[in-house]
N, C-alpha and C. Protein backbone atom coordinates (compact mmCIF):
# COMPACT_ATOMS: atom_id res chain seq x y z
N MET A 1 40.63 -0.25 38.47
CA MET A 1 39.19 -0.15 38.24
C MET A 1 38.94 0.13 36.76
N SER A 2 37.93 -0.52 36.18
CA SER A 2 37.63 -0.33 34.77
C SER A 2 36.97 1.02 34.55
N PRO A 3 37.22 1.65 33.43
CA PRO A 3 36.57 2.92 33.12
C PRO A 3 35.06 2.73 33.09
N PRO A 4 34.28 3.78 33.47
CA PRO A 4 32.81 3.67 33.48
C PRO A 4 32.25 3.22 32.15
N ASN A 5 32.81 3.71 31.04
CA ASN A 5 32.29 3.34 29.73
C ASN A 5 32.45 1.85 29.46
N ALA A 6 33.57 1.28 29.92
CA ALA A 6 33.81 -0.15 29.72
C ALA A 6 32.81 -0.97 30.52
N VAL A 7 32.54 -0.53 31.77
CA VAL A 7 31.55 -1.23 32.60
C VAL A 7 30.19 -1.18 31.94
N LYS A 8 29.81 -0.02 31.44
CA LYS A 8 28.52 0.13 30.79
C LYS A 8 28.43 -0.76 29.56
N THR A 9 29.47 -0.82 28.79
CA THR A 9 29.47 -1.65 27.59
C THR A 9 29.31 -3.13 27.96
N ALA A 10 29.98 -3.56 29.01
CA ALA A 10 29.85 -4.95 29.45
C ALA A 10 28.43 -5.24 29.89
N ARG A 11 27.82 -4.32 30.58
CA ARG A 11 26.44 -4.50 31.01
C ARG A 11 25.50 -4.55 29.81
N GLU A 12 25.77 -3.71 28.85
CA GLU A 12 24.94 -3.71 27.64
C GLU A 12 25.08 -5.03 26.91
N ARG A 13 26.30 -5.55 26.84
CA ARG A 13 26.50 -6.83 26.18
C ARG A 13 25.77 -7.95 26.92
N ALA A 14 25.84 -7.91 28.23
CA ALA A 14 25.16 -8.93 29.03
C ALA A 14 23.65 -8.86 28.85
N ARG A 15 23.15 -7.64 28.81
CA ARG A 15 21.70 -7.47 28.61
C ARG A 15 21.28 -7.95 27.23
N ALA A 16 22.07 -7.63 26.22
CA ALA A 16 21.75 -8.07 24.86
C ALA A 16 21.78 -9.59 24.75
N GLU A 17 22.74 -10.22 25.42
CA GLU A 17 22.83 -11.68 25.39
C GLU A 17 21.64 -12.32 26.08
N LEU A 18 21.24 -11.79 27.23
CA LEU A 18 20.10 -12.35 27.93
C LEU A 18 18.81 -12.12 27.15
N THR A 19 18.70 -10.96 26.53
CA THR A 19 17.53 -10.69 25.69
C THR A 19 17.44 -11.70 24.56
N ARG A 20 18.58 -12.02 23.95
CA ARG A 20 18.60 -13.01 22.88
C ARG A 20 18.16 -14.38 23.41
N GLU A 21 18.65 -14.75 24.60
CA GLU A 21 18.29 -16.05 25.17
C GLU A 21 16.80 -16.11 25.50
N ILE A 22 16.25 -15.01 25.97
CA ILE A 22 14.81 -14.97 26.27
C ILE A 22 14.00 -15.19 25.01
N ARG A 23 14.38 -14.53 23.94
CA ARG A 23 13.63 -14.68 22.69
C ARG A 23 13.79 -16.07 22.11
N GLU A 24 14.97 -16.64 22.22
CA GLU A 24 15.19 -17.99 21.71
C GLU A 24 14.32 -18.99 22.48
N GLU A 25 14.26 -18.85 23.80
CA GLU A 25 13.40 -19.74 24.58
C GLU A 25 11.93 -19.51 24.25
N ALA A 26 11.56 -18.27 24.04
CA ALA A 26 10.17 -17.97 23.66
C ALA A 26 9.83 -18.61 22.32
N ARG A 27 10.78 -18.62 21.39
CA ARG A 27 10.54 -19.27 20.10
C ARG A 27 10.41 -20.79 20.26
N ARG A 28 11.18 -21.36 21.19
CA ARG A 28 11.02 -22.79 21.46
C ARG A 28 9.64 -23.08 22.02
N GLN A 29 9.13 -22.17 22.84
CA GLN A 29 7.78 -22.35 23.38
C GLN A 29 6.72 -22.21 22.29
N LEU A 30 6.97 -21.32 21.34
CA LEU A 30 6.03 -21.20 20.21
C LEU A 30 5.88 -22.55 19.52
N ALA A 31 7.00 -23.24 19.33
CA ALA A 31 6.97 -24.54 18.67
C ALA A 31 6.24 -25.58 19.51
N ALA A 32 6.38 -25.47 20.83
CA ALA A 32 5.82 -26.49 21.72
C ALA A 32 4.36 -26.24 22.07
N VAL A 33 3.99 -25.00 22.36
CA VAL A 33 2.64 -24.73 22.87
C VAL A 33 1.89 -23.67 22.06
N GLY A 34 2.54 -23.06 21.07
CA GLY A 34 1.87 -22.04 20.28
C GLY A 34 1.87 -20.69 20.96
N ALA A 35 1.51 -19.67 20.20
CA ALA A 35 1.54 -18.30 20.73
C ALA A 35 0.57 -18.12 21.89
N ASN A 36 -0.60 -18.76 21.81
CA ASN A 36 -1.58 -18.60 22.89
C ASN A 36 -1.11 -19.21 24.20
N GLY A 37 -0.18 -20.17 24.12
CA GLY A 37 0.33 -20.80 25.33
C GLY A 37 1.61 -20.18 25.85
N LEU A 38 2.12 -19.16 25.18
CA LEU A 38 3.37 -18.53 25.60
C LEU A 38 3.21 -17.94 27.00
N SER A 39 4.16 -18.23 27.86
CA SER A 39 4.10 -17.79 29.26
C SER A 39 5.43 -17.23 29.70
N LEU A 40 5.40 -16.03 30.26
CA LEU A 40 6.63 -15.44 30.78
C LEU A 40 7.19 -16.28 31.92
N ARG A 41 6.32 -16.80 32.75
CA ARG A 41 6.79 -17.63 33.87
C ARG A 41 7.51 -18.88 33.36
N ALA A 42 6.95 -19.48 32.32
CA ALA A 42 7.58 -20.68 31.76
C ALA A 42 8.92 -20.36 31.13
N VAL A 43 9.00 -19.22 30.43
CA VAL A 43 10.27 -18.80 29.84
C VAL A 43 11.31 -18.58 30.94
N ALA A 44 10.90 -17.87 32.01
CA ALA A 44 11.82 -17.61 33.12
C ALA A 44 12.28 -18.91 33.76
N ARG A 45 11.35 -19.85 33.94
CA ARG A 45 11.70 -21.12 34.58
C ARG A 45 12.73 -21.88 33.74
N GLU A 46 12.53 -21.93 32.42
CA GLU A 46 13.46 -22.66 31.56
C GLU A 46 14.84 -22.03 31.54
N LEU A 47 14.90 -20.72 31.76
CA LEU A 47 16.19 -20.02 31.76
C LEU A 47 16.81 -19.94 33.14
N GLY A 48 16.11 -20.49 34.15
CA GLY A 48 16.63 -20.45 35.50
C GLY A 48 16.55 -19.06 36.12
N MET A 49 15.57 -18.27 35.68
CA MET A 49 15.40 -16.92 36.19
C MET A 49 14.15 -16.85 37.05
N VAL A 50 14.10 -15.87 37.94
CA VAL A 50 12.85 -15.59 38.65
C VAL A 50 12.02 -14.69 37.74
N SER A 51 10.71 -14.81 37.85
CA SER A 51 9.82 -14.06 36.96
C SER A 51 10.04 -12.57 37.04
N SER A 52 10.31 -12.08 38.25
CA SER A 52 10.49 -10.64 38.43
C SER A 52 11.68 -10.11 37.64
N ALA A 53 12.71 -10.95 37.46
CA ALA A 53 13.87 -10.53 36.67
C ALA A 53 13.51 -10.45 35.20
N LEU A 54 12.70 -11.41 34.73
CA LEU A 54 12.30 -11.40 33.32
C LEU A 54 11.42 -10.20 33.01
N TYR A 55 10.60 -9.79 33.97
CA TYR A 55 9.70 -8.66 33.74
C TYR A 55 10.45 -7.36 33.50
N ARG A 56 11.71 -7.30 33.92
CA ARG A 56 12.50 -6.10 33.66
C ARG A 56 12.85 -5.98 32.18
N TYR A 57 12.81 -7.12 31.48
CA TYR A 57 13.09 -7.13 30.04
C TYR A 57 11.80 -7.04 29.22
N TYR A 58 10.81 -7.79 29.65
CA TYR A 58 9.52 -7.80 28.96
C TYR A 58 8.43 -7.75 30.03
N PRO A 59 7.83 -6.58 30.23
CA PRO A 59 6.85 -6.41 31.32
C PRO A 59 5.62 -7.31 31.21
N SER A 60 5.30 -7.78 30.00
CA SER A 60 4.11 -8.60 29.84
C SER A 60 4.31 -9.59 28.70
N ARG A 61 3.42 -10.58 28.63
CA ARG A 61 3.46 -11.52 27.52
C ARG A 61 3.34 -10.81 26.19
N ASP A 62 2.49 -9.78 26.13
CA ASP A 62 2.29 -9.06 24.87
C ASP A 62 3.55 -8.34 24.43
N ASP A 63 4.33 -7.85 25.36
CA ASP A 63 5.60 -7.21 25.00
C ASP A 63 6.56 -8.22 24.38
N LEU A 64 6.59 -9.42 24.93
CA LEU A 64 7.44 -10.46 24.37
C LEU A 64 6.92 -10.91 23.01
N LEU A 65 5.61 -11.06 22.87
CA LEU A 65 5.03 -11.40 21.58
C LEU A 65 5.37 -10.36 20.53
N THR A 66 5.28 -9.10 20.91
CA THR A 66 5.60 -8.02 19.97
C THR A 66 7.04 -8.13 19.49
N ALA A 67 7.95 -8.42 20.41
CA ALA A 67 9.36 -8.58 20.04
C ALA A 67 9.53 -9.74 19.06
N LEU A 68 8.84 -10.85 19.31
CA LEU A 68 8.94 -12.01 18.41
C LEU A 68 8.32 -11.71 17.05
N ILE A 69 7.23 -10.98 17.05
CA ILE A 69 6.56 -10.62 15.79
C ILE A 69 7.46 -9.70 14.96
N ILE A 70 8.06 -8.71 15.61
CA ILE A 70 8.96 -7.80 14.90
C ILE A 70 10.15 -8.57 14.35
N ASP A 71 10.71 -9.47 15.15
CA ASP A 71 11.83 -10.29 14.67
C ASP A 71 11.43 -11.09 13.44
N ALA A 72 10.24 -11.70 13.48
CA ALA A 72 9.80 -12.55 12.37
C ALA A 72 9.57 -11.73 11.11
N TYR A 73 8.88 -10.60 11.24
CA TYR A 73 8.66 -9.74 10.08
C TYR A 73 9.97 -9.25 9.49
N ASN A 74 10.90 -8.87 10.35
CA ASN A 74 12.19 -8.40 9.85
C ASN A 74 12.96 -9.52 9.16
N ALA A 75 12.87 -10.73 9.69
CA ALA A 75 13.60 -11.85 9.11
C ALA A 75 13.04 -12.23 7.74
N ILE A 76 11.73 -12.32 7.62
CA ILE A 76 11.15 -12.69 6.32
C ILE A 76 11.33 -11.53 5.33
N GLY A 77 11.27 -10.30 5.82
CA GLY A 77 11.51 -9.15 4.95
C GLY A 77 12.95 -9.12 4.46
N ALA A 78 13.89 -9.42 5.35
CA ALA A 78 15.29 -9.44 4.95
C ALA A 78 15.55 -10.53 3.93
N ALA A 79 14.88 -11.67 4.08
CA ALA A 79 15.04 -12.77 3.12
C ALA A 79 14.58 -12.34 1.74
N ALA A 80 13.43 -11.67 1.67
CA ALA A 80 12.92 -11.21 0.38
C ALA A 80 13.83 -10.15 -0.22
N GLU A 81 14.26 -9.20 0.59
CA GLU A 81 15.13 -8.13 0.10
C GLU A 81 16.46 -8.67 -0.42
N ALA A 82 17.03 -9.64 0.30
CA ALA A 82 18.30 -10.22 -0.12
C ALA A 82 18.14 -10.95 -1.44
N ALA A 83 17.02 -11.67 -1.60
CA ALA A 83 16.78 -12.39 -2.86
C ALA A 83 16.62 -11.43 -4.02
N ILE A 84 15.93 -10.33 -3.79
CA ILE A 84 15.72 -9.32 -4.84
C ILE A 84 17.06 -8.69 -5.22
N ALA A 85 17.86 -8.35 -4.21
CA ALA A 85 19.16 -7.73 -4.49
C ALA A 85 20.07 -8.68 -5.26
N GLU A 86 20.05 -9.95 -4.88
CA GLU A 86 20.89 -10.93 -5.57
C GLU A 86 20.43 -11.14 -7.00
N ALA A 87 19.11 -11.19 -7.20
CA ALA A 87 18.58 -11.35 -8.56
C ALA A 87 18.93 -10.15 -9.42
N GLY A 88 18.84 -8.96 -8.83
CA GLY A 88 19.19 -7.75 -9.57
C GLY A 88 20.66 -7.71 -9.93
N ALA A 89 21.50 -8.13 -9.00
CA ALA A 89 22.94 -8.15 -9.27
C ALA A 89 23.26 -9.16 -10.36
N GLY A 90 22.57 -10.31 -10.32
CA GLY A 90 22.79 -11.32 -11.35
C GLY A 90 22.39 -10.84 -12.72
N ALA A 91 21.25 -10.13 -12.79
CA ALA A 91 20.79 -9.60 -14.07
C ALA A 91 21.76 -8.57 -14.61
N ALA A 92 22.31 -7.74 -13.71
CA ALA A 92 23.27 -6.73 -14.14
C ALA A 92 24.55 -7.37 -14.67
N ARG A 93 25.00 -8.43 -13.99
CA ARG A 93 26.21 -9.13 -14.45
C ARG A 93 26.00 -9.77 -15.81
N ASP A 94 24.78 -10.28 -16.02
CA ASP A 94 24.49 -10.95 -17.29
C ASP A 94 24.12 -9.98 -18.40
N GLY A 95 23.98 -8.68 -18.06
CA GLY A 95 23.61 -7.70 -19.05
C GLY A 95 22.22 -7.94 -19.59
N ALA A 96 21.30 -8.40 -18.73
CA ALA A 96 19.95 -8.73 -19.18
C ALA A 96 19.21 -7.49 -19.67
N ALA A 97 18.52 -7.63 -20.77
CA ALA A 97 17.70 -6.53 -21.29
C ALA A 97 16.47 -6.35 -20.43
N ARG A 98 16.01 -5.12 -20.31
CA ARG A 98 14.83 -4.84 -19.50
C ARG A 98 13.58 -5.09 -20.33
N ASP A 99 13.30 -6.37 -20.62
CA ASP A 99 12.14 -6.71 -21.43
C ASP A 99 11.06 -7.38 -20.60
N GLY A 100 11.17 -7.32 -19.27
CA GLY A 100 10.21 -7.95 -18.39
C GLY A 100 10.75 -9.21 -17.76
N ALA A 101 11.65 -9.91 -18.43
CA ALA A 101 12.18 -11.15 -17.89
C ALA A 101 12.89 -10.95 -16.55
N PRO A 102 13.77 -9.91 -16.40
CA PRO A 102 14.40 -9.71 -15.10
C PRO A 102 13.39 -9.52 -13.97
N ALA A 103 12.29 -8.80 -14.23
CA ALA A 103 11.27 -8.58 -13.20
C ALA A 103 10.63 -9.91 -12.82
N ARG A 104 10.35 -10.75 -13.80
CA ARG A 104 9.76 -12.05 -13.51
C ARG A 104 10.72 -12.89 -12.68
N GLU A 105 11.99 -12.85 -13.02
CA GLU A 105 12.98 -13.63 -12.28
C GLU A 105 13.15 -13.10 -10.85
N THR A 106 13.09 -11.79 -10.71
CA THR A 106 13.21 -11.20 -9.38
C THR A 106 12.01 -11.55 -8.53
N TRP A 107 10.82 -11.49 -9.12
CA TRP A 107 9.60 -11.89 -8.42
C TRP A 107 9.72 -13.34 -7.95
N ALA A 108 10.15 -14.23 -8.84
CA ALA A 108 10.27 -15.64 -8.49
C ALA A 108 11.29 -15.84 -7.39
N ALA A 109 12.40 -15.11 -7.46
CA ALA A 109 13.44 -15.25 -6.44
C ALA A 109 12.91 -14.82 -5.08
N ALA A 110 12.17 -13.72 -5.04
CA ALA A 110 11.61 -13.24 -3.77
C ALA A 110 10.60 -14.24 -3.22
N CYS A 111 9.76 -14.78 -4.09
CA CYS A 111 8.75 -15.76 -3.65
C CYS A 111 9.42 -17.01 -3.09
N ARG A 112 10.44 -17.49 -3.76
CA ARG A 112 11.14 -18.68 -3.28
C ARG A 112 11.82 -18.42 -1.94
N ALA A 113 12.38 -17.22 -1.78
CA ALA A 113 13.05 -16.89 -0.52
C ALA A 113 12.05 -16.82 0.63
N ILE A 114 10.89 -16.26 0.37
CA ILE A 114 9.85 -16.18 1.40
C ILE A 114 9.38 -17.57 1.79
N ARG A 115 9.15 -18.41 0.79
CA ARG A 115 8.73 -19.79 1.08
C ARG A 115 9.81 -20.53 1.87
N ALA A 116 11.07 -20.38 1.47
CA ALA A 116 12.16 -21.07 2.16
C ALA A 116 12.23 -20.64 3.62
N TRP A 117 12.07 -19.35 3.87
CA TRP A 117 12.09 -18.87 5.26
C TRP A 117 10.92 -19.46 6.03
N ALA A 118 9.75 -19.49 5.42
CA ALA A 118 8.56 -20.01 6.09
C ALA A 118 8.72 -21.49 6.42
N VAL A 119 9.24 -22.25 5.48
CA VAL A 119 9.44 -23.69 5.71
C VAL A 119 10.46 -23.92 6.83
N ALA A 120 11.48 -23.09 6.89
CA ALA A 120 12.51 -23.22 7.92
C ALA A 120 12.04 -22.71 9.28
N ASN A 121 11.04 -21.82 9.27
CA ASN A 121 10.56 -21.20 10.52
C ASN A 121 9.03 -21.24 10.58
N PRO A 122 8.44 -22.43 10.57
CA PRO A 122 6.98 -22.52 10.47
C PRO A 122 6.22 -21.89 11.63
N HIS A 123 6.77 -21.97 12.83
CA HIS A 123 6.04 -21.44 13.99
C HIS A 123 6.09 -19.92 14.02
N GLU A 124 7.21 -19.36 13.58
CA GLU A 124 7.28 -17.89 13.49
C GLU A 124 6.43 -17.39 12.34
N TYR A 125 6.37 -18.15 11.25
CA TYR A 125 5.47 -17.80 10.15
C TYR A 125 4.03 -17.80 10.64
N ALA A 126 3.66 -18.83 11.40
CA ALA A 126 2.30 -18.92 11.91
C ALA A 126 1.99 -17.75 12.85
N LEU A 127 3.00 -17.28 13.56
CA LEU A 127 2.81 -16.16 14.47
C LEU A 127 2.38 -14.89 13.73
N ILE A 128 2.96 -14.68 12.54
CA ILE A 128 2.65 -13.43 11.83
C ILE A 128 1.61 -13.59 10.73
N TYR A 129 1.42 -14.81 10.21
CA TYR A 129 0.46 -15.00 9.12
C TYR A 129 -0.61 -16.05 9.44
N GLY A 130 -0.60 -16.56 10.66
CA GLY A 130 -1.59 -17.55 11.05
C GLY A 130 -2.75 -16.92 11.80
N SER A 131 -3.39 -17.70 12.63
CA SER A 131 -4.55 -17.22 13.39
C SER A 131 -4.13 -16.15 14.38
N PRO A 132 -4.97 -15.14 14.61
CA PRO A 132 -4.65 -14.10 15.60
C PRO A 132 -4.48 -14.70 16.99
N VAL A 133 -3.61 -14.09 17.78
CA VAL A 133 -3.39 -14.54 19.15
C VAL A 133 -4.48 -13.94 20.03
N ALA A 134 -5.15 -14.79 20.78
CA ALA A 134 -6.26 -14.33 21.62
C ALA A 134 -5.80 -13.25 22.59
N GLY A 135 -6.53 -12.13 22.59
CA GLY A 135 -6.25 -11.05 23.53
C GLY A 135 -5.10 -10.15 23.16
N TYR A 136 -4.42 -10.42 22.03
CA TYR A 136 -3.27 -9.61 21.65
C TYR A 136 -3.64 -8.62 20.56
N ARG A 137 -3.18 -7.40 20.71
CA ARG A 137 -3.39 -6.37 19.70
C ARG A 137 -2.02 -5.81 19.33
N ALA A 138 -1.65 -5.98 18.06
CA ALA A 138 -0.33 -5.55 17.63
C ALA A 138 -0.18 -4.03 17.73
N PRO A 139 0.91 -3.55 18.30
CA PRO A 139 1.13 -2.10 18.42
C PRO A 139 1.69 -1.53 17.12
N GLU A 140 1.79 -0.22 17.08
CA GLU A 140 2.28 0.48 15.90
C GLU A 140 3.71 0.08 15.54
N ALA A 141 4.46 -0.36 16.53
CA ALA A 141 5.86 -0.73 16.28
C ALA A 141 6.00 -1.88 15.30
N THR A 142 4.95 -2.65 15.09
CA THR A 142 5.03 -3.78 14.16
C THR A 142 4.78 -3.37 12.71
N ILE A 143 4.28 -2.17 12.48
CA ILE A 143 3.88 -1.76 11.13
C ILE A 143 5.07 -1.71 10.18
N GLY A 144 6.15 -1.06 10.62
CA GLY A 144 7.32 -0.94 9.75
C GLY A 144 7.88 -2.29 9.35
N PRO A 145 8.17 -3.17 10.31
CA PRO A 145 8.66 -4.50 9.94
C PRO A 145 7.68 -5.27 9.05
N ALA A 146 6.39 -5.16 9.32
CA ALA A 146 5.39 -5.87 8.52
C ALA A 146 5.33 -5.35 7.09
N SER A 147 5.80 -4.14 6.87
CA SER A 147 5.74 -3.52 5.54
C SER A 147 6.91 -3.93 4.65
N ARG A 148 7.90 -4.60 5.19
CA ARG A 148 9.11 -4.87 4.39
C ARG A 148 8.83 -5.76 3.19
N VAL A 149 8.04 -6.81 3.36
CA VAL A 149 7.74 -7.69 2.23
C VAL A 149 6.91 -6.97 1.17
N PRO A 150 5.78 -6.33 1.53
CA PRO A 150 5.03 -5.63 0.48
C PRO A 150 5.82 -4.52 -0.19
N LEU A 151 6.67 -3.82 0.55
CA LEU A 151 7.49 -2.78 -0.06
C LEU A 151 8.52 -3.38 -1.02
N ALA A 152 9.03 -4.56 -0.67
CA ALA A 152 9.97 -5.23 -1.57
C ALA A 152 9.28 -5.60 -2.88
N PHE A 153 8.05 -6.09 -2.79
CA PHE A 153 7.29 -6.41 -3.99
C PHE A 153 6.95 -5.15 -4.78
N ALA A 154 6.65 -4.06 -4.07
CA ALA A 154 6.35 -2.80 -4.75
C ALA A 154 7.54 -2.32 -5.56
N ALA A 155 8.75 -2.55 -5.03
CA ALA A 155 9.96 -2.15 -5.77
C ALA A 155 10.08 -2.94 -7.07
N ILE A 156 9.68 -4.22 -7.04
CA ILE A 156 9.71 -5.02 -8.27
C ILE A 156 8.74 -4.44 -9.29
N LEU A 157 7.56 -4.03 -8.83
CA LEU A 157 6.57 -3.46 -9.75
C LEU A 157 7.07 -2.16 -10.36
N GLU A 158 7.70 -1.33 -9.53
CA GLU A 158 8.20 -0.05 -10.04
C GLU A 158 9.28 -0.28 -11.09
N ASP A 159 10.15 -1.24 -10.84
CA ASP A 159 11.18 -1.56 -11.84
C ASP A 159 10.55 -2.07 -13.13
N ALA A 160 9.51 -2.90 -12.97
CA ALA A 160 8.85 -3.44 -14.16
C ALA A 160 8.14 -2.35 -14.94
N ALA A 161 7.58 -1.38 -14.23
CA ALA A 161 6.88 -0.29 -14.90
C ALA A 161 7.84 0.77 -15.42
N ALA A 162 9.12 0.66 -15.01
CA ALA A 162 10.17 1.61 -15.44
C ALA A 162 9.79 3.06 -15.11
N SER A 163 9.09 3.25 -14.02
CA SER A 163 8.75 4.60 -13.55
C SER A 163 8.37 4.50 -12.09
N ALA A 164 8.23 5.64 -11.44
CA ALA A 164 7.84 5.66 -10.03
C ALA A 164 6.34 5.44 -9.87
N ALA A 165 5.60 5.49 -10.93
CA ALA A 165 4.15 5.33 -10.86
C ALA A 165 3.74 3.97 -11.40
N VAL A 166 3.28 3.11 -10.53
CA VAL A 166 2.85 1.78 -10.94
C VAL A 166 1.40 1.86 -11.43
N PRO A 167 1.09 1.33 -12.61
CA PRO A 167 -0.29 1.34 -13.09
C PRO A 167 -1.23 0.71 -12.08
N GLY A 168 -2.41 1.31 -11.91
CA GLY A 168 -3.36 0.84 -10.92
C GLY A 168 -3.75 -0.61 -11.10
N ASP A 169 -3.94 -1.02 -12.36
CA ASP A 169 -4.32 -2.40 -12.62
C ASP A 169 -3.23 -3.37 -12.18
N MET A 170 -1.98 -3.00 -12.41
CA MET A 170 -0.87 -3.85 -11.99
C MET A 170 -0.81 -3.96 -10.47
N LEU A 171 -1.10 -2.86 -9.79
CA LEU A 171 -1.07 -2.86 -8.33
C LEU A 171 -2.15 -3.78 -7.77
N VAL A 172 -3.34 -3.71 -8.35
CA VAL A 172 -4.44 -4.58 -7.90
C VAL A 172 -4.08 -6.04 -8.15
N ARG A 173 -3.56 -6.33 -9.34
CA ARG A 173 -3.19 -7.70 -9.66
C ARG A 173 -2.07 -8.20 -8.74
N ALA A 174 -1.14 -7.33 -8.42
CA ALA A 174 -0.05 -7.72 -7.53
C ALA A 174 -0.56 -8.01 -6.12
N THR A 175 -1.55 -7.24 -5.68
CA THR A 175 -2.15 -7.48 -4.37
C THR A 175 -2.84 -8.84 -4.33
N ILE A 176 -3.54 -9.16 -5.42
CA ILE A 176 -4.17 -10.48 -5.52
C ILE A 176 -3.11 -11.57 -5.49
N ALA A 177 -2.03 -11.37 -6.25
CA ALA A 177 -0.95 -12.37 -6.30
C ALA A 177 -0.28 -12.52 -4.94
N TRP A 178 -0.12 -11.41 -4.23
CA TRP A 178 0.49 -11.44 -2.90
C TRP A 178 -0.32 -12.31 -1.96
N THR A 179 -1.64 -12.14 -1.97
CA THR A 179 -2.48 -12.97 -1.10
C THR A 179 -2.44 -14.43 -1.54
N GLN A 180 -2.39 -14.67 -2.85
CA GLN A 180 -2.30 -16.04 -3.33
C GLN A 180 -0.98 -16.69 -2.90
N LEU A 181 0.09 -15.94 -2.94
CA LEU A 181 1.39 -16.46 -2.54
C LEU A 181 1.36 -16.94 -1.10
N PHE A 182 0.88 -16.09 -0.20
CA PHE A 182 0.86 -16.48 1.20
C PHE A 182 -0.19 -17.54 1.49
N GLY A 183 -1.24 -17.57 0.67
CA GLY A 183 -2.20 -18.65 0.79
C GLY A 183 -1.57 -19.99 0.46
N MET A 184 -0.78 -20.03 -0.60
CA MET A 184 -0.09 -21.27 -0.98
C MET A 184 0.87 -21.72 0.10
N ILE A 185 1.63 -20.78 0.63
CA ILE A 185 2.60 -21.12 1.67
C ILE A 185 1.87 -21.66 2.91
N SER A 186 0.78 -21.00 3.28
CA SER A 186 0.01 -21.45 4.45
C SER A 186 -0.57 -22.84 4.22
N PHE A 187 -1.10 -23.08 3.02
CA PHE A 187 -1.62 -24.41 2.71
C PHE A 187 -0.54 -25.47 2.88
N GLU A 188 0.66 -25.15 2.39
CA GLU A 188 1.75 -26.12 2.49
C GLU A 188 2.16 -26.37 3.94
N LEU A 189 2.34 -25.29 4.70
CA LEU A 189 2.82 -25.44 6.07
C LEU A 189 1.79 -26.07 6.99
N PHE A 190 0.51 -25.81 6.73
CA PHE A 190 -0.53 -26.32 7.62
C PHE A 190 -1.15 -27.62 7.13
N GLY A 191 -0.45 -28.30 6.18
CA GLY A 191 -0.82 -29.64 5.81
C GLY A 191 -1.92 -29.82 4.79
N GLN A 192 -2.30 -28.75 4.10
CA GLN A 192 -3.40 -28.85 3.15
C GLN A 192 -3.00 -29.50 1.83
N PHE A 193 -1.70 -29.66 1.59
CA PHE A 193 -1.24 -30.28 0.35
C PHE A 193 -0.92 -31.76 0.52
N VAL A 194 -1.09 -32.28 1.73
CA VAL A 194 -0.78 -33.68 1.97
C VAL A 194 -1.67 -34.56 1.10
N GLY A 195 -1.04 -35.45 0.35
CA GLY A 195 -1.79 -36.35 -0.50
C GLY A 195 -2.13 -35.78 -1.87
N SER A 196 -1.71 -34.54 -2.11
CA SER A 196 -2.00 -33.94 -3.43
C SER A 196 -0.74 -33.30 -4.02
N PHE A 197 -0.32 -32.17 -3.48
CA PHE A 197 0.86 -31.47 -4.02
C PHE A 197 2.01 -31.49 -3.02
N GLU A 198 2.36 -32.68 -2.59
CA GLU A 198 3.46 -32.80 -1.64
C GLU A 198 4.50 -33.79 -2.17
N PRO A 199 5.76 -33.39 -2.31
CA PRO A 199 6.29 -32.05 -2.02
C PRO A 199 5.77 -31.02 -3.01
N ALA A 200 5.74 -29.76 -2.56
CA ALA A 200 5.08 -28.72 -3.33
C ALA A 200 6.01 -27.91 -4.21
N ASP A 201 7.27 -28.32 -4.35
CA ASP A 201 8.26 -27.52 -5.08
C ASP A 201 7.82 -27.19 -6.51
N ALA A 202 7.48 -28.22 -7.28
CA ALA A 202 7.12 -28.00 -8.68
C ALA A 202 5.83 -27.19 -8.78
N PHE A 203 4.85 -27.53 -7.95
CA PHE A 203 3.60 -26.77 -7.95
C PHE A 203 3.85 -25.31 -7.62
N PHE A 204 4.68 -25.07 -6.62
CA PHE A 204 4.95 -23.70 -6.19
C PHE A 204 5.61 -22.91 -7.31
N ASP A 205 6.63 -23.47 -7.94
CA ASP A 205 7.32 -22.76 -9.02
C ASP A 205 6.37 -22.47 -10.19
N HIS A 206 5.51 -23.44 -10.51
CA HIS A 206 4.54 -23.23 -11.59
C HIS A 206 3.57 -22.11 -11.22
N ALA A 207 3.07 -22.15 -10.00
CA ALA A 207 2.11 -21.13 -9.57
C ALA A 207 2.73 -19.74 -9.54
N VAL A 208 3.97 -19.65 -9.07
CA VAL A 208 4.67 -18.35 -9.02
C VAL A 208 4.82 -17.78 -10.42
N ALA A 209 5.15 -18.63 -11.39
CA ALA A 209 5.26 -18.18 -12.79
C ALA A 209 3.90 -17.70 -13.32
N GLN A 210 2.85 -18.41 -12.97
CA GLN A 210 1.51 -18.01 -13.40
C GLN A 210 1.11 -16.69 -12.76
N LEU A 211 1.46 -16.51 -11.50
CA LEU A 211 1.14 -15.25 -10.84
C LEU A 211 1.91 -14.07 -11.44
N ALA A 212 3.15 -14.33 -11.82
CA ALA A 212 3.95 -13.27 -12.47
C ALA A 212 3.29 -12.84 -13.78
N ALA A 213 2.80 -13.81 -14.55
CA ALA A 213 2.11 -13.48 -15.80
C ALA A 213 0.81 -12.73 -15.51
N PHE A 214 0.12 -13.14 -14.47
CA PHE A 214 -1.14 -12.47 -14.09
C PHE A 214 -0.89 -11.00 -13.71
N ILE A 215 0.21 -10.76 -12.99
CA ILE A 215 0.55 -9.38 -12.62
C ILE A 215 0.88 -8.54 -13.83
N GLY A 216 1.53 -9.19 -14.81
CA GLY A 216 1.97 -8.46 -15.99
C GLY A 216 3.45 -8.24 -16.02
N LEU A 217 4.19 -9.06 -15.29
CA LEU A 217 5.64 -8.92 -15.26
C LEU A 217 6.28 -9.59 -16.48
């Protein structure tokens, strides 16, 4: 007979695997029918499960939406953080002087990483930055994950200011730039650049540089 701890670990692994499969199927449904069309019954049917079994993992559609939202915020936040860390490591290796250029490069790297994630995951991007889902109210559990991107940008500002206190004007300008960044990404993903700035690579890089100058980096 297997030790109780081993049995428990196997059960935990099985539960984690099924949870992953549920979320993957839910993301496929996001692509097919959108967040408003997400259905626990449909997810269960595609996975060959009875609805009552799925409810043990996610008691309601909103619980599943919350899990997907947290996953998306964490993923885009991790992308920004990784880009910032890599840019910082590169600047350190190159012995770059702290004359503002490293901050501009870090800002650009974070912006490009966010855009790349959004382009690769348009339906998850739409879930967190698109139209609100009818009848859904995000719980407090989403606040921390949603804060990862703005906190990553705040770290860039603090480094640029070379102190823990970011000048108020820089903070306001950065907030404006932040909204402009996500506006550009949304325009691109939702087809607003078709026939004008498509592909948007050069436009995006130019705009990111202009926003960095506007912030004061």
